[in-house]
Amino acid sequence: MADAASTKTRAEVFGRREQGGMLGISKSSRYVAHAILILGVLIVAFPIYYTFTASTHSLQTILRPPLPLTPGDHFFKNYYDAIFGGVGRIGGVSVDLLLFNTTVMALGIAVGKILISILSAFAIVFFRFPGRMLFFWLIFITLMLPVEVRILPTYKVMVDLNLIDTYAGLVLPLIASATATLLFRQFFMTIPGELLEAARVDGAGPWRFFKDILMPLSKTNIAALFVIMFIYGWTQYLWPLLVTNRNDMNTIVIALRKMISFADADTQWHLVMVTSILAILPPVLVVVFMQRWFVKGLVETEK
């Protein structure tokens, strides 16, 4: 009788938890939580929607407030002028070239940071050489030195190497990452020593161990870091502003600033809004398509 009563009690508790969620949350609490979540999404998404709406209206409509909250009938015209037409050119440079420059910079920074960081962490963790920890701490200390602190000597080096107005000048000074090195090092330190010994028994050298074992195990970490570093590279403003003088080497962020005049009447606001939407799309697409890997790389503890 006692066992039957206990079983019935557990079934009732389990049933209530199923109705209220895994944590036994009541329906009213769930409604409140969803309402707060929806409100937060609306607050974050409204400026983007407002920008998109403005990108579909004519310049006269934007300059005559209030701006309608519904899309207008100039969508195709505005986007065609911004991408292909002469009206949408910034200093004779079309938006598609600006997007290409920004993509090259963001991809170069993301891939370069990951390659340098994972190789640095591999050397620090799996090799024994004099000054190994000294080099690691030197890398770690650079976390306290942001780009703004070392901007002048870095710029001087770029001038001496004739890398102004080049893709190498945009990418190279930003491809080292102490944060990524630290993250890879912490992950590599969780690799069991038995795995390394098994690889040695099988005759695997350091490069094969790195390529066939460490790289597959690190793919979620790589994906998460790629998303973060891509967005970091895409949104750079200060360094591209210094290292590019020609309009055809500008990034989309720099071009947006150049499109805005001090006088509203002199600014093509409909094209500014179009360019803003086009600047937002690539990082959003990267996050959307790599969301599953990004989340796994941040929260996964068991490889």
C-alpha atoms as a PDB file:
ATOM      1  CA  MET A   1       0.000   0.000   0.000  1.00  0.00           C
ATOM      2  CA  ALA A   2       2.808   2.363   0.921  1.00  0.00           C
ATOM      3  CA  ASP A   3       4.613   1.678  -2.369  1.00  0.00           C
ATOM      4  CA  ALA A   4       1.424   2.308  -4.339  1.00  0.00           C
ATOM      5  CA  ALA A   5       0.801   5.589  -2.534  1.00  0.00           C
ATOM      6  CA  SER A   6       4.401   6.665  -3.071  1.00  0.00           C
ATOM      7  CA  THR A   7       4.192   5.826  -6.766  1.00  0.00           C
ATOM      8  CA  LYS A   8       0.932   7.773  -7.075  1.00  0.00           C
ATOM      9  CA  THR A   9       2.460  10.796  -5.321  1.00  0.00           C
ATOM     10  CA  ARG A  10       5.490  10.772  -7.625  1.00  0.00           C
ATOM     11  CA  ALA A  11       3.219  10.492 -10.667  1.00  0.00           C
ATOM     12  CA  GLU A  12       1.142  13.472  -9.503  1.00  0.00           C
ATOM     13  CA  VAL A  13       4.270  15.583  -8.898  1.00  0.00           C
ATOM     14  CA  PHE A  14       5.687  14.588 -12.283  1.00  0.00           C
ATOM     15  CA  GLY A  15       2.380  15.440 -13.935  1.00  0.00           C
ATOM     16  CA  ARG A  16       2.287  18.872 -12.334  1.00  0.00           C
ATOM     17  CA  ARG A  17       5.879  19.526 -13.439  1.00  0.00           C
ATOM     18  CA  GLU A  18       5.033  18.493 -16.979  1.00  0.00           C
ATOM     19  CA  GLN A  19       2.131  20.961 -17.005  1.00  0.00           C
ATOM     20  CA  GLY A  20       4.222  23.777 -15.544  1.00  0.00           C
ATOM     21  CA  GLY A  21       7.518  23.045 -17.263  1.00  0.00           C
ATOM     22  CA  MET A  22      10.666  21.254 -16.123  1.00  0.00           C
ATOM     23  CA  LEU A  23      10.990  23.563 -13.113  1.00  0.00           C
ATOM     24  CA  GLY A  24       7.358  23.375 -12.078  1.00  0.00           C
ATOM     25  CA  ILE A  25       6.614  26.988 -13.101  1.00  0.00           C
ATOM     26  CA  SER A  26       2.958  28.015 -13.041  1.00  0.00           C
ATOM     27  CA  LYS A  27       1.164  29.178 -16.174  1.00  0.00           C
ATOM     28  CA  SER A  28       0.872  32.751 -14.924  1.00  0.00           C
ATOM     29  CA  SER A  29       4.633  32.896 -14.286  1.00  0.00           C
ATOM     30  CA  ARG A  30       5.316  31.587 -17.772  1.00  0.00           C
ATOM     31  CA  TYR A  31       3.044  34.239 -19.288  1.00  0.00           C
ATOM     32  CA  VAL A  32       4.874  36.961 -17.366  1.00  0.00           C
ATOM     33  CA  ALA A  33       8.255  35.574 -18.443  1.00  0.00           C
ATOM     34  CA  HIS A  34       7.155  35.451 -22.092  1.00  0.00           C
ATOM     35  CA  ALA A  35       5.749  38.977 -21.888  1.00  0.00           C
ATOM     36  CA  ILE A  36       9.053  40.296 -20.514  1.00  0.00           C
ATOM     37  CA  LEU A  37      10.979  38.393 -23.214  1.00  0.00           C
ATOM     38  CA  ILE A  38       8.753  39.768 -25.986  1.00  0.00           C
ATOM     39  CA  LEU A  39       9.092  43.296 -24.585  1.00  0.00           C
ATOM     40  CA  GLY A  40      12.884  42.938 -24.547  1.00  0.00           C
ATOM     41  CA  VAL A  41      12.899  41.695 -28.150  1.00  0.00           C
ATOM     42  CA  LEU A  42      10.717  44.611 -29.248  1.00  0.00           C
ATOM     43  CA  ILE A  43      12.989  47.146 -27.538  1.00  0.00           C
ATOM     44  CA  VAL A  44      16.076  45.660 -29.199  1.00  0.00           C
ATOM     45  CA  ALA A  45      14.507  45.063 -32.631  1.00  0.00           C
ATOM     46  CA  PHE A  46      12.553  48.309 -33.004  1.00  0.00           C
ATOM     47  CA  PRO A  47      15.553  50.514 -33.998  1.00  0.00           C
ATOM     48  CA  ILE A  48      16.472  47.972 -36.686  1.00  0.00           C
ATOM     49  CA  TYR A  49      12.882  47.878 -37.962  1.00  0.00           C
ATOM     50  CA  TYR A  50      12.755  51.673 -37.915  1.00  0.00           C
ATOM     51  CA  THR A  51      15.954  51.822 -39.954  1.00  0.00           C
ATOM     52  CA  PHE A  52      14.565  49.312 -42.461  1.00  0.00           C
ATOM     53  CA  THR A  53      11.334  51.291 -42.739  1.00  0.00           C
ATOM     54  CA  ALA A  54      13.269  54.494 -43.373  1.00  0.00           C
ATOM     55  CA  SER A  55      15.290  52.725 -46.086  1.00  0.00           C
ATOM     56  CA  THR A  56      12.083  52.149 -48.079  1.00  0.00           C
ATOM     57  CA  HIS A  57      10.922  55.786 -48.131  1.00  0.00           C
ATOM     58  CA  SER A  58      12.015  58.757 -50.197  1.00  0.00           C
ATOM     59  CA  LEU A  59      14.310  61.437 -48.847  1.00  0.00           C
ATOM     60  CA  GLN A  60      11.449  63.929 -48.740  1.00  0.00           C
ATOM     61  CA  THR A  61       9.377  61.602 -46.551  1.00  0.00           C
ATOM     62  CA  ILE A  62      12.265  61.083 -44.112  1.00  0.00           C
ATOM     63  CA  LEU A  63      12.914  64.821 -43.823  1.00  0.00           C
ATOM     64  CA  ARG A  64       9.216  65.480 -43.146  1.00  0.00           C
ATOM     65  CA  PRO A  65       8.526  63.997 -39.663  1.00  0.00           C
ATOM     66  CA  PRO A  66       6.981  61.927 -38.331  1.00  0.00           C
ATOM     67  CA  LEU A  67       8.357  59.003 -40.292  1.00  0.00           C
ATOM     68  CA  PRO A  68       5.687  56.354 -41.100  1.00  0.00           C
ATOM     69  CA  LEU A  69       6.113  53.062 -39.249  1.00  0.00           C
ATOM     70  CA  THR A  70       5.072  51.057 -42.315  1.00  0.00           C
ATOM     71  CA  PRO A  71       7.411  50.308 -45.274  1.00  0.00           C
ATOM     72  CA  GLY A  72       7.215  52.667 -48.219  1.00  0.00           C
ATOM     73  CA  ASP A  73       7.212  52.141 -51.993  1.00  0.00           C
ATOM     74  CA  HIS A  74      10.857  53.121 -52.667  1.00  0.00           C
ATOM     75  CA  PHE A  75      12.392  49.814 -51.562  1.00  0.00           C
ATOM     76  CA  PHE A  76      13.760  48.656 -54.911  1.00  0.00           C
ATOM     77  CA  LYS A  77      14.761  52.139 -56.066  1.00  0.00           C
ATOM     78  CA  ASN A  78      16.663  52.991 -52.876  1.00  0.00           C
ATOM     79  CA  TYR A  79      18.496  49.689 -52.702  1.00  0.00           C
ATOM     80  CA  TYR A  80      19.352  49.777 -56.420  1.00  0.00           C
ATOM     81  CA  ASP A  81      20.688  53.338 -56.126  1.00  0.00           C
ATOM     82  CA  ALA A  82      22.748  52.450 -53.051  1.00  0.00           C
ATOM     83  CA  ILE A  83      24.312  49.300 -54.511  1.00  0.00           C
ATOM     84  CA  PHE A  84      24.588  50.009 -58.249  1.00  0.00           C
ATOM     85  CA  GLY A  85      23.564  53.592 -58.954  1.00  0.00           C
ATOM     86  CA  GLY A  86      25.762  56.642 -58.936  1.00  0.00           C
ATOM     87  CA  VAL A  87      23.604  58.254 -56.268  1.00  0.00           C
ATOM     88  CA  GLY A  88      24.601  55.602 -53.783  1.00  0.00           C
ATOM     89  CA  ARG A  89      28.304  56.013 -54.249  1.00  0.00           C
ATOM     90  CA  ILE A  90      30.556  57.374 -51.519  1.00  0.00           C
ATOM     91  CA  GLY A  91      33.420  59.283 -53.081  1.00  0.00           C
ATOM     92  CA  GLY A  92      32.991  57.320 -56.293  1.00  0.00           C
ATOM     93  CA  VAL A  93      32.909  53.952 -54.471  1.00  0.00           C
ATOM     94  CA  SER A  94      29.840  51.736 -54.565  1.00  0.00           C
ATOM     95  CA  VAL A  95      28.419  49.974 -51.520  1.00  0.00           C
ATOM     96  CA  ASP A  96      29.257  46.518 -52.882  1.00  0.00           C
ATOM     97  CA  LEU A  97      32.976  47.371 -52.822  1.00  0.00           C
ATOM     98  CA  LEU A  98      32.672  48.698 -49.273  1.00  0.00           C
ATOM     99  CA  LEU A  99      30.984  45.465 -48.229  1.00  0.00           C
ATOM    100  CA  PHE A 100      33.751  43.493 -49.927  1.00  0.00           C
ATOM    101  CA  ASN A 101      36.446  45.454 -48.074  1.00  0.00           C
ATOM    102  CA  THR A 102      34.685  44.921 -44.747  1.00  0.00           C
ATOM    103  CA  THR A 103      34.207  41.204 -45.435  1.00  0.00           C
ATOM    104  CA  VAL A 104      37.889  40.754 -46.265  1.00  0.00           C
ATOM    105  CA  MET A 105      38.866  42.553 -43.067  1.00  0.00           C
ATOM    106  CA  ALA A 106      36.400  40.646 -40.846  1.00  0.00           C
ATOM    107  CA  LEU A 107      37.273  37.234 -42.312  1.00  0.00           C
ATOM    108  CA  GLY A 108      40.998  37.967 -42.185  1.00  0.00           C
ATOM    109  CA  ILE A 109      40.829  39.013 -38.546  1.00  0.00           C
ATOM    110  CA  ALA A 110      38.628  36.070 -37.506  1.00  0.00           C
ATOM    111  CA  VAL A 111      40.658  33.403 -39.321  1.00  0.00           C
ATOM    112  CA  GLY A 112      43.996  34.970 -38.363  1.00  0.00           C
ATOM    113  CA  LYS A 113      43.102  35.239 -34.677  1.00  0.00           C
ATOM    114  CA  ILE A 114      41.946  31.622 -34.551  1.00  0.00           C
ATOM    115  CA  LEU A 115      44.990  30.234 -36.387  1.00  0.00           C
ATOM    116  CA  ILE A 116      47.549  32.153 -34.332  1.00  0.00           C
ATOM    117  CA  SER A 117      45.760  31.524 -31.043  1.00  0.00           C
ATOM    118  CA  ILE A 118      45.222  27.796 -31.490  1.00  0.00           C
ATOM    119  CA  LEU A 119      48.836  27.248 -32.584  1.00  0.00           C
ATOM    120  CA  SER A 120      50.126  29.355 -29.684  1.00  0.00           C
ATOM    121  CA  ALA A 121      48.014  27.432 -27.189  1.00  0.00           C
ATOM    122  CA  PHE A 122      49.124  24.127 -28.723  1.00  0.00           C
ATOM    123  CA  ALA A 123      52.781  25.048 -28.319  1.00  0.00           C
ATOM    124  CA  ILE A 124      52.326  26.290 -24.736  1.00  0.00           C
ATOM    125  CA  VAL A 125      50.391  23.243 -23.522  1.00  0.00           C
ATOM    126  CA  PHE A 126      51.981  20.304 -25.352  1.00  0.00           C
ATOM    127  CA  PHE A 127      55.616  21.362 -25.722  1.00  0.00           C
ATOM    128  CA  ARG A 128      58.259  21.842 -23.047  1.00  0.00           C
ATOM    129  CA  PHE A 129      60.793  24.563 -23.824  1.00  0.00           C
ATOM    130  CA  PRO A 130      62.625  27.248 -21.818  1.00  0.00           C
ATOM    131  CA  GLY A 131      60.508  30.316 -21.120  1.00  0.00           C
ATOM    132  CA  ARG A 132      57.258  28.586 -22.032  1.00  0.00           C
ATOM    133  CA  MET A 133      55.250  30.129 -19.188  1.00  0.00           C
ATOM    134  CA  LEU A 134      57.030  33.448 -19.601  1.00  0.00           C
ATOM    135  CA  PHE A 135      55.754  33.672 -23.168  1.00  0.00           C
ATOM    136  CA  PHE A 136      52.262  32.735 -22.021  1.00  0.00           C
ATOM    137  CA  TRP A 137      52.208  35.474 -19.389  1.00  0.00           C
ATOM    138  CA  LEU A 138      53.538  37.994 -21.891  1.00  0.00           C
ATOM    139  CA  ILE A 139      50.625  37.090 -24.146  1.00  0.00           C
ATOM    140  CA  PHE A 140      48.233  37.277 -21.217  1.00  0.00           C
ATOM    141  CA  ILE A 141      49.459  40.723 -20.149  1.00  0.00           C
ATOM    142  CA  THR A 142      48.508  42.125 -23.570  1.00  0.00           C
ATOM    143  CA  LEU A 143      44.875  41.813 -22.453  1.00  0.00           C
ATOM    144  CA  MET A 144      45.541  45.026 -20.529  1.00  0.00           C
ATOM    145  CA  LEU A 145      46.738  46.818 -23.672  1.00  0.00           C
ATOM    146  CA  PRO A 146      43.807  47.707 -25.938  1.00  0.00           C
ATOM    147  CA  VAL A 147      44.285  48.838 -29.515  1.00  0.00           C
ATOM    148  CA  GLU A 148      43.989  52.501 -28.506  1.00  0.00           C
ATOM    149  CA  VAL A 149      47.085  52.235 -26.280  1.00  0.00           C
ATOM    150  CA  ARG A 150      49.334  50.852 -29.012  1.00  0.00           C
ATOM    151  CA  ILE A 151      47.721  52.668 -31.917  1.00  0.00           C
ATOM    152  CA  LEU A 152      50.580  55.109 -32.621  1.00  0.00           C
ATOM    153  CA  PRO A 153      53.475  52.607 -32.740  1.00  0.00           C
ATOM    154  CA  THR A 154      51.319  50.205 -34.758  1.00  0.00           C
ATOM    155  CA  TYR A 155      50.497  52.930 -37.247  1.00  0.00           C
ATOM    156  CA  LYS A 156      54.192  53.848 -37.502  1.00  0.00           C
ATOM    157  CA  VAL A 157      55.042  50.231 -38.325  1.00  0.00           C
ATOM    158  CA  MET A 158      52.338  50.147 -41.026  1.00  0.00           C
ATOM    159  CA  VAL A 159      53.736  53.343 -42.572  1.00  0.00           C
ATOM    160  CA  ASP A 160      57.305  51.996 -42.549  1.00  0.00           C
ATOM    161  CA  LEU A 161      56.144  48.753 -44.222  1.00  0.00           C
ATOM    162  CA  ASN A 162      54.079  50.646 -46.845  1.00  0.00           C
ATOM    163  CA  LEU A 163      50.891  48.882 -45.726  1.00  0.00           C
ATOM    164  CA  ILE A 164      48.667  51.960 -45.650  1.00  0.00           C
ATOM    165  CA  ASP A 165      45.592  51.506 -47.886  1.00  0.00           C
ATOM    166  CA  THR A 166      46.109  47.753 -48.168  1.00  0.00           C
ATOM    167  CA  TYR A 167      44.157  44.742 -46.935  1.00  0.00           C
ATOM    168  CA  ALA A 168      47.245  43.563 -45.063  1.00  0.00           C
ATOM    169  CA  GLY A 169      47.345  46.871 -43.223  1.00  0.00           C
ATOM    170  CA  LEU A 170      43.690  46.441 -42.244  1.00  0.00           C
ATOM    171  CA  VAL A 171      44.091  42.880 -41.002  1.00  0.00           C
ATOM    172  CA  LEU A 172      47.611  42.177 -39.693  1.00  0.00           C
ATOM    173  CA  PRO A 173      47.701  44.485 -36.631  1.00  0.00           C
ATOM    174  CA  LEU A 174      44.463  42.964 -35.304  1.00  0.00           C
ATOM    175  CA  ILE A 175      44.988  39.220 -35.813  1.00  0.00           C
ATOM    176  CA  ALA A 176      46.714  38.457 -32.496  1.00  0.00           C
ATOM    177  CA  SER A 177      44.332  37.624 -29.647  1.00  0.00           C
ATOM    178  CA  ALA A 178      45.348  36.938 -26.061  1.00  0.00           C
ATOM    179  CA  THR A 179      41.753  36.066 -25.169  1.00  0.00           C
ATOM    180  CA  ALA A 180      41.478  33.344 -27.802  1.00  0.00           C
ATOM    181  CA  THR A 181      44.902  31.977 -26.824  1.00  0.00           C
ATOM    182  CA  LEU A 182      43.787  31.768 -23.201  1.00  0.00           C
ATOM    183  CA  LEU A 183      40.540  30.005 -24.112  1.00  0.00           C
ATOM    184  CA  PHE A 184      42.280  27.432 -26.306  1.00  0.00           C
ATOM    185  CA  ARG A 185      44.929  26.864 -23.632  1.00  0.00           C
ATOM    186  CA  GLN A 186      42.290  26.222 -20.984  1.00  0.00           C
ATOM    187  CA  PHE A 187      40.547  23.735 -23.258  1.00  0.00           C
ATOM    188  CA  PHE A 188      43.760  21.935 -24.246  1.00  0.00           C
ATOM    189  CA  MET A 189      44.614  21.518 -20.583  1.00  0.00           C
ATOM    190  CA  THR A 190      41.471  19.407 -20.182  1.00  0.00           C
ATOM    191  CA  ILE A 191      42.691  16.916 -22.809  1.00  0.00           C
ATOM    192  CA  PRO A 192      43.618  13.707 -20.927  1.00  0.00           C
ATOM    193  CA  GLY A 193      47.278  12.733 -21.000  1.00  0.00           C
ATOM    194  CA  GLU A 194      46.246   9.205 -22.004  1.00  0.00           C
ATOM    195  CA  LEU A 195      45.038  10.571 -25.336  1.00  0.00           C
ATOM    196  CA  LEU A 196      48.446  12.069 -26.037  1.00  0.00           C
ATOM    197  CA  GLU A 197      50.181   8.826 -25.030  1.00  0.00           C
ATOM    198  CA  ALA A 198      47.849   6.801 -27.260  1.00  0.00           C
ATOM    199  CA  ALA A 199      48.691   9.063 -30.183  1.00  0.00           C
ATOM    200  CA  ARG A 200      52.414   8.577 -29.549  1.00  0.00           C
ATOM    201  CA  VAL A 201      51.978   4.801 -29.419  1.00  0.00           C
ATOM    202  CA  ASP A 202      50.218   4.946 -32.783  1.00  0.00           C
ATOM    203  CA  GLY A 203      53.202   6.842 -34.194  1.00  0.00           C
ATOM    204  CA  ALA A 204      51.436  10.193 -34.522  1.00  0.00           C
ATOM    205  CA  GLY A 205      53.741  13.183 -34.542  1.00  0.00           C
ATOM    206  CA  PRO A 206      52.862  16.620 -33.154  1.00  0.00           C
ATOM    207  CA  TRP A 207      51.341  17.876 -36.405  1.00  0.00           C
ATOM    208  CA  ARG A 208      49.202  14.766 -36.897  1.00  0.00           C
ATOM    209  CA  PHE A 209      48.046  14.906 -33.267  1.00  0.00           C
ATOM    210  CA  PHE A 210      47.094  18.539 -33.745  1.00  0.00           C
ATOM    211  CA  LYS A 211      45.340  17.995 -37.079  1.00  0.00           C
ATOM    212  CA  ASP A 212      43.556  14.686 -36.448  1.00  0.00           C
ATOM    213  CA  ILE A 213      42.725  14.965 -32.730  1.00  0.00           C
ATOM    214  CA  LEU A 214      42.876  18.507 -31.383  1.00  0.00           C
ATOM    215  CA  MET A 215      41.237  20.243 -34.343  1.00  0.00           C
ATOM    216  CA  PRO A 216      38.115  18.003 -34.399  1.00  0.00           C
ATOM    217  CA  LEU A 217      37.778  18.324 -30.628  1.00  0.00           C
ATOM    218  CA  SER A 218      38.086  22.122 -30.868  1.00  0.00           C
ATOM    219  CA  LYS A 219      35.577  22.713 -33.657  1.00  0.00           C
ATOM    220  CA  THR A 220      32.830  24.079 -31.371  1.00  0.00           C
ATOM    221  CA  ASN A 221      35.319  26.436 -29.697  1.00  0.00           C
ATOM    222  CA  ILE A 222      36.561  27.515 -33.111  1.00  0.00           C
ATOM    223  CA  ALA A 223      33.000  28.189 -34.298  1.00  0.00           C
ATOM    224  CA  ALA A 224      32.141  30.270 -31.230  1.00  0.00           C
ATOM    225  CA  LEU A 225      35.342  32.296 -31.497  1.00  0.00           C
ATOM    226  CA  PHE A 226      34.821  32.768 -35.235  1.00  0.00           C
ATOM    227  CA  VAL A 227      31.428  34.394 -34.659  1.00  0.00           C
ATOM    228  CA  ILE A 228      32.809  36.686 -31.954  1.00  0.00           C
ATOM    229  CA  MET A 229      35.929  37.649 -33.912  1.00  0.00           C
ATOM    230  CA  PHE A 230      34.023  38.152 -37.177  1.00  0.00           C
ATOM    231  CA  ILE A 231      31.692  40.641 -35.515  1.00  0.00           C
ATOM    232  CA  TYR A 232      34.697  42.252 -33.810  1.00  0.00           C
ATOM    233  CA  GLY A 233      36.402  42.732 -37.173  1.00  0.00           C
ATOM    234  CA  TRP A 234      33.214  43.870 -38.934  1.00  0.00           C
ATOM    235  CA  THR A 235      32.502  46.640 -36.431  1.00  0.00           C
ATOM    236  CA  GLN A 236      36.028  48.083 -36.277  1.00  0.00           C
ATOM    237  CA  TYR A 237      36.084  51.853 -36.674  1.00  0.00           C
ATOM    238  CA  LEU A 238      39.241  53.460 -35.260  1.00  0.00           C
ATOM    239  CA  TRP A 239      41.860  51.331 -37.000  1.00  0.00           C
ATOM    240  CA  PRO A 240      40.299  51.396 -40.521  1.00  0.00           C
ATOM    241  CA  LEU A 241      39.839  55.156 -40.106  1.00  0.00           C
ATOM    242  CA  LEU A 242      43.594  55.578 -39.542  1.00  0.00           C
ATOM    243  CA  VAL A 243      45.008  53.060 -41.980  1.00  0.00           C
ATOM    244  CA  THR A 244      42.856  53.910 -45.033  1.00  0.00           C
ATOM    245  CA  ASN A 245      43.073  57.172 -46.934  1.00  0.00           C
ATOM    246  CA  ARG A 246      41.560  56.150 -50.257  1.00  0.00           C
ATOM    247  CA  ASN A 247      37.777  55.862 -50.502  1.00  0.00           C
ATOM    248  CA  ASP A 248      38.030  52.543 -52.338  1.00  0.00           C
ATOM    249  CA  MET A 249      39.718  50.993 -49.276  1.00  0.00           C
ATOM    250  CA  ASN A 250      37.151  52.212 -46.753  1.00  0.00           C
ATOM    251  CA  THR A 251      35.010  49.791 -44.787  1.00  0.00           C
ATOM    252  CA  ILE A 252      31.231  50.105 -44.579  1.00  0.00           C
ATOM    253  CA  VAL A 253      31.415  51.643 -41.087  1.00  0.00           C
ATOM    254  CA  ILE A 254      33.786  54.390 -42.242  1.00  0.00           C
ATOM    255  CA  ALA A 255      31.647  55.023 -45.325  1.00  0.00           C
ATOM    256  CA  LEU A 256      28.539  55.458 -43.185  1.00  0.00           C
ATOM    257  CA  ARG A 257      30.264  58.212 -41.250  1.00  0.00           C
ATOM    258  CA  LYS A 258      31.348  59.920 -44.468  1.00  0.00           C
ATOM    259  CA  MET A 259      27.789  59.800 -45.854  1.00  0.00           C
ATOM    260  CA  ILE A 260      26.426  61.870 -42.967  1.00  0.00           C
ATOM    261  CA  SER A 261      26.786  65.629 -43.319  1.00  0.00           C
ATOM    262  CA  PHE A 262      26.382  68.241 -40.595  1.00  0.00           C
ATOM    263  CA  ALA A 263      23.310  69.559 -42.413  1.00  0.00           C
ATOM    264  CA  ASP A 264      20.318  67.246 -42.730  1.00  0.00           C
ATOM    265  CA  ALA A 265      19.444  68.634 -46.143  1.00  0.00           C
ATOM    266  CA  ASP A 266      22.857  67.608 -47.510  1.00  0.00           C
ATOM    267  CA  THR A 267      22.592  64.010 -46.244  1.00  0.00           C
ATOM    268  CA  GLN A 268      20.968  61.337 -48.380  1.00  0.00           C
ATOM    269  CA  TRP A 269      19.233  59.777 -45.385  1.00  0.00           C
ATOM    270  CA  HIS A 270      17.361  57.139 -47.392  1.00  0.00           C
ATOM    271  CA  LEU A 271      20.676  55.847 -48.752  1.00  0.00           C
ATOM    272  CA  VAL A 272      22.272  56.061 -45.303  1.00  0.00           C
ATOM    273  CA  MET A 273      19.503  53.818 -43.994  1.00  0.00           C
ATOM    274  CA  VAL A 274      19.960  51.385 -46.878  1.00  0.00           C
ATOM    275  CA  THR A 275      23.698  51.227 -46.210  1.00  0.00           C
ATOM    276  CA  SER A 276      23.034  50.673 -42.501  1.00  0.00           C
ATOM    277  CA  ILE A 277      20.763  47.705 -43.253  1.00  0.00           C
ATOM    278  CA  LEU A 278      23.339  46.240 -45.656  1.00  0.00           C
ATOM    279  CA  ALA A 279      26.022  46.697 -42.978  1.00  0.00           C
ATOM    280  CA  ILE A 280      23.905  44.838 -40.417  1.00  0.00           C
ATOM    281  CA  LEU A 281      23.025  41.852 -42.608  1.00  0.00           C
ATOM    282  CA  PRO A 282      26.373  39.946 -42.848  1.00  0.00           C
ATOM    283  CA  PRO A 283      27.070  39.668 -39.090  1.00  0.00           C
ATOM    284  CA  VAL A 284      23.419  38.783 -38.470  1.00  0.00           C
ATOM    285  CA  LEU A 285      23.594  36.015 -41.082  1.00  0.00           C
ATOM    286  CA  VAL A 286      26.810  34.680 -39.542  1.00  0.00           C
ATOM    287  CA  VAL A 287      25.160  34.492 -36.118  1.00  0.00           C
ATOM    288  CA  VAL A 288      21.979  32.882 -37.511  1.00  0.00           C
ATOM    289  CA  PHE A 289      23.726  30.202 -39.559  1.00  0.00           C
ATOM    290  CA  MET A 290      26.293  29.410 -36.853  1.00  0.00           C
ATOM    291  CA  GLN A 291      23.987  29.764 -33.861  1.00  0.00           C
ATOM    292  CA  ARG A 292      24.015  26.081 -32.927  1.00  0.00           C
ATOM    293  CA  TRP A 293      27.816  25.840 -33.047  1.00  0.00           C
ATOM    294  CA  PHE A 294      28.161  29.193 -31.282  1.00  0.00           C
ATOM    295  CA  VAL A 295      26.012  28.102 -28.332  1.00  0.00           C
ATOM    296  CA  LYS A 296      27.711  24.706 -28.100  1.00  0.00           C
ATOM    297  CA  GLY A 297      31.133  26.327 -28.097  1.00  0.00           C
ATOM    298  CA  LEU A 298      30.158  28.592 -25.203  1.00  0.00           C
ATOM    299  CA  VAL A 299      28.309  26.134 -22.956  1.00  0.00           C
ATOM    300  CA  GLU A 300      29.591  22.692 -23.858  1.00  0.00           C
ATOM    301  CA  THR A 301      31.780  21.196 -21.131  1.00  0.00           C
ATOM    302  CA  GLU A 302      32.111  17.630 -22.342  1.00  0.00           C
ATOM    303  CA  LYS A 303      33.921  16.988 -25.597  1.00  0.00           C
END
